[in-house]
Amino acid sequence: MLRLSKLTDYGIVLLARLAKSSDDTGPGDEAAPHNARELAAEVDLPAPVVSKVLKLLAREGVLESHRGAKGGYVLARSPQRITVAEVIDALEGPVAITECAVGPSVCLHELRCAVRDPITTINQVVRDALRAVTLADLIDPEFGSAHLAADPLRVLERTSSATARAIPE
């Protein structure tokens, strides 16, 4: 089973909150930084965990950190330009459904494995699906389960087009 760690889950929640905050600012306005304690209270998570996640995301370039009395964290780019795949990569490392999907020379059985190529293809489809979803999508009320239930092909179409661009013919 593919499962995100709690830190990644919390990271996505925190980034969605920051994306919502940046979405609430006017055109040309910059979102005010949020400190870890404020964010922890807003999303009901422990402050030490929130601080750890924010530092990791800042180190990986997903967030910018501002020092000082009015300091805190803001998104490094617009929510439309930060993908779920990027967040997972920042907090967990590359998405891989098996170790061999991470890269070559990881598995002792790699040269004679009958399923390595299909597994690599599946892994690429999963990565493309995660690249197709942005923070902006996560805060879009129409992107939720009600919308997907009404139009499940929307995600498949987005994923298929992303996969087609990523896999050369």
Protein backbone atom coordinates (compact mmCIF):
# COMPACT_ATOMS: atom_id res chain seq x y z
CA MET A 1 0.00 0.00 0.00
CA LEU A 2 1.23 3.45 -0.84
CA ARG A 3 0.97 5.66 2.19
CA LEU A 4 2.29 9.10 3.08
CA SER A 5 4.05 9.60 6.38
CA LYS A 6 2.42 11.79 9.01
CA LEU A 7 5.03 14.48 8.39
CA THR A 8 4.12 14.61 4.71
CA ASP A 9 0.43 14.62 5.54
CA TYR A 10 1.02 17.52 7.94
CA GLY A 11 3.18 19.26 5.34
CA ILE A 12 0.38 19.14 2.79
CA VAL A 13 -2.10 20.47 5.36
CA LEU A 14 0.25 23.33 6.29
CA LEU A 15 0.99 24.20 2.67
CA ALA A 16 -2.72 24.17 1.82
CA ARG A 17 -3.27 26.60 4.69
CA LEU A 18 -0.49 28.87 3.41
CA ALA A 19 -1.87 28.57 -0.13
CA LYS A 20 -5.31 29.59 1.11
CA SER A 21 -3.73 32.54 2.90
CA SER A 22 -1.90 33.63 -0.26
CA ASP A 23 -5.12 33.13 -2.23
CA ASP A 24 -6.88 35.58 0.10
CA THR A 25 -4.44 38.41 -0.71
CA GLY A 26 -5.21 40.86 -3.48
CA PRO A 27 -3.47 40.98 -6.86
CA GLY A 28 0.10 42.20 -6.46
CA ASP A 29 -0.08 41.89 -2.66
CA GLU A 30 2.36 39.61 -0.92
CA ALA A 31 1.07 37.20 1.70
CA ALA A 32 2.15 37.98 5.25
CA PRO A 33 4.50 35.43 6.81
CA HIS A 34 3.03 32.94 9.27
CA ASN A 35 5.06 31.64 12.18
CA ALA A 36 5.01 28.02 13.30
CA ARG A 37 3.01 28.70 16.47
CA GLU A 38 0.23 30.53 14.55
CA LEU A 39 0.04 27.82 11.91
CA ALA A 40 0.00 25.06 14.52
CA ALA A 41 -2.98 26.70 16.21
CA GLU A 42 -4.78 27.28 12.89
CA VAL A 43 -4.50 23.65 11.76
CA ASP A 44 -4.61 22.07 15.26
CA LEU A 45 -1.23 20.33 15.13
CA PRO A 46 1.59 20.26 17.71
CA ALA A 47 3.88 23.30 17.37
CA PRO A 48 7.17 21.31 17.49
CA VAL A 49 6.03 19.08 14.61
CA VAL A 50 4.83 22.09 12.60
CA SER A 51 8.17 23.82 13.18
CA LYS A 52 10.06 20.73 11.97
CA VAL A 53 7.94 20.39 8.82
CA LEU A 54 8.22 24.09 7.97
CA LYS A 55 12.01 24.00 8.34
CA LEU A 56 12.23 20.96 6.03
CA LEU A 57 10.03 22.62 3.42
CA ALA A 58 12.07 25.83 3.62
CA ARG A 59 15.34 23.90 3.25
CA GLU A 60 13.94 22.23 0.10
CA GLY A 61 12.82 25.54 -1.41
CA VAL A 62 9.06 25.02 -1.14
CA LEU A 63 8.79 27.76 1.50
CA GLU A 64 10.71 30.94 2.20
CA SER A 65 11.66 31.77 5.75
CA HIS A 66 11.65 35.39 6.97
CA ARG A 67 13.44 36.30 10.20
CA GLY A 68 12.47 38.94 12.70
CA ALA A 69 9.53 39.99 14.82
CA LYS A 70 7.16 39.86 11.85
CA GLY A 71 8.90 36.87 10.32
CA GLY A 72 7.62 33.44 9.50
CA TYR A 73 7.02 31.33 6.41
CA VAL A 74 5.48 32.04 3.02
CA LEU A 75 5.21 29.95 -0.14
CA ALA A 76 8.31 30.22 -2.33
CA ARG A 77 6.11 30.24 -5.46
CA SER A 78 2.46 30.60 -6.29
CA PRO A 79 0.19 27.67 -5.27
CA GLN A 80 -0.31 26.89 -8.98
CA ARG A 81 3.42 26.16 -9.30
CA ILE A 82 3.88 23.84 -6.32
CA THR A 83 2.88 20.24 -6.98
CA VAL A 84 2.00 17.47 -4.56
CA ALA A 85 4.90 15.46 -6.05
CA GLU A 86 7.30 18.25 -5.12
CA VAL A 87 6.01 18.30 -1.54
CA ILE A 88 6.37 14.53 -1.20
CA ASP A 89 9.88 14.66 -2.68
CA ALA A 90 10.82 17.40 -0.19
CA LEU A 91 9.57 15.51 2.86
CA GLU A 92 10.07 11.84 1.94
CA GLY A 93 12.37 11.67 -1.05
CA PRO A 94 11.42 10.59 -4.55
CA VAL A 95 8.09 8.82 -5.04
CA ALA A 96 8.79 5.16 -5.73
CA ILE A 97 6.44 2.23 -5.35
CA THR A 98 9.44 -0.13 -5.16
CA GLU A 99 13.12 0.51 -4.49
CA CYS A 100 14.09 -0.27 -8.07
CA ALA A 101 11.84 2.55 -9.27
CA VAL A 102 14.11 5.05 -7.49
CA GLY A 103 16.91 4.41 -9.96
CA PRO A 104 19.31 1.89 -11.41
CA SER A 105 21.65 -0.32 -9.38
CA VAL A 106 19.47 -0.40 -6.27
CA CYS A 107 18.32 -4.01 -6.43
CA LEU A 108 20.50 -7.13 -6.71
CA HIS A 109 17.93 -8.79 -9.01
CA GLU A 110 17.58 -5.83 -11.34
CA LEU A 111 19.20 -7.39 -14.42
CA ARG A 112 16.93 -10.46 -14.49
CA CYS A 113 13.75 -8.97 -13.04
CA ALA A 114 10.72 -9.67 -15.25
CA VAL A 115 8.61 -6.85 -13.79
CA ARG A 116 11.10 -3.99 -13.46
CA ASP A 117 9.98 -2.20 -16.64
CA PRO A 118 6.24 -2.45 -15.90
CA ILE A 119 6.84 -1.33 -12.29
CA THR A 120 8.90 1.61 -13.55
CA THR A 121 6.04 2.57 -15.89
CA ILE A 122 3.49 2.34 -13.06
CA ASN A 123 5.76 4.46 -10.87
CA GLN A 124 5.97 7.09 -13.63
CA VAL A 125 2.17 7.21 -13.94
CA VAL A 126 1.85 7.71 -10.16
CA ARG A 127 4.47 10.48 -10.23
CA ASP A 128 2.73 12.17 -13.15
CA ALA A 129 -0.60 12.03 -11.32
CA LEU A 130 1.01 13.68 -8.29
CA ARG A 131 2.67 16.29 -10.53
CA ALA A 132 -0.74 17.08 -12.04
CA VAL A 133 -2.15 18.18 -8.67
CA THR A 134 -1.04 21.54 -7.29
CA LEU A 135 -1.60 23.34 -4.01
CA ALA A 136 -4.07 25.54 -5.88
CA ASP A 137 -6.05 22.39 -6.71
CA LEU A 138 -6.06 21.34 -3.06
CA ILE A 139 -7.70 24.57 -1.94
CA ASP A 140 -10.15 24.64 -4.86
CA PRO A 141 -13.57 23.65 -3.47
CA GLU A 142 -14.51 22.15 -6.85
CA PHE A 143 -11.50 19.83 -6.86
CA GLY A 144 -12.80 17.87 -3.85
CA SER A 145 -14.47 14.47 -3.83
CA ALA A 146 -17.89 15.82 -4.84
CA HIS A 147 -16.41 17.25 -8.04
CA LEU A 148 -14.36 14.14 -8.76
CA ALA A 149 -17.38 11.91 -8.17
CA ALA A 150 -19.33 13.97 -10.70
CA ASP A 151 -16.48 13.99 -13.23
CA PRO A 152 -13.86 11.31 -12.44
CA LEU A 153 -12.39 11.58 -15.93
CA ARG A 154 -11.04 15.05 -15.17
CA VAL A 155 -8.15 13.65 -13.12
CA LEU A 156 -7.55 10.81 -15.57
CA GLU A 157 -7.37 13.26 -18.47
CA ARG A 158 -4.93 15.51 -16.61
CA THR A 159 -2.81 12.52 -15.62
CA SER A 160 -2.88 11.04 -19.12
CA SER A 161 -1.76 14.28 -20.72
CA ALA A 162 1.02 14.69 -18.13
CA THR A 163 2.14 11.09 -18.73
CA ALA A 164 2.08 11.56 -22.49
CA ARG A 165 4.37 14.58 -22.14
CA ALA A 166 6.72 12.75 -19.76
CA ILE A 167 7.10 9.48 -21.67
CA PRO A 168 8.68 9.90 -25.10
CA GLU A 169 7.38 7.79 -27.96
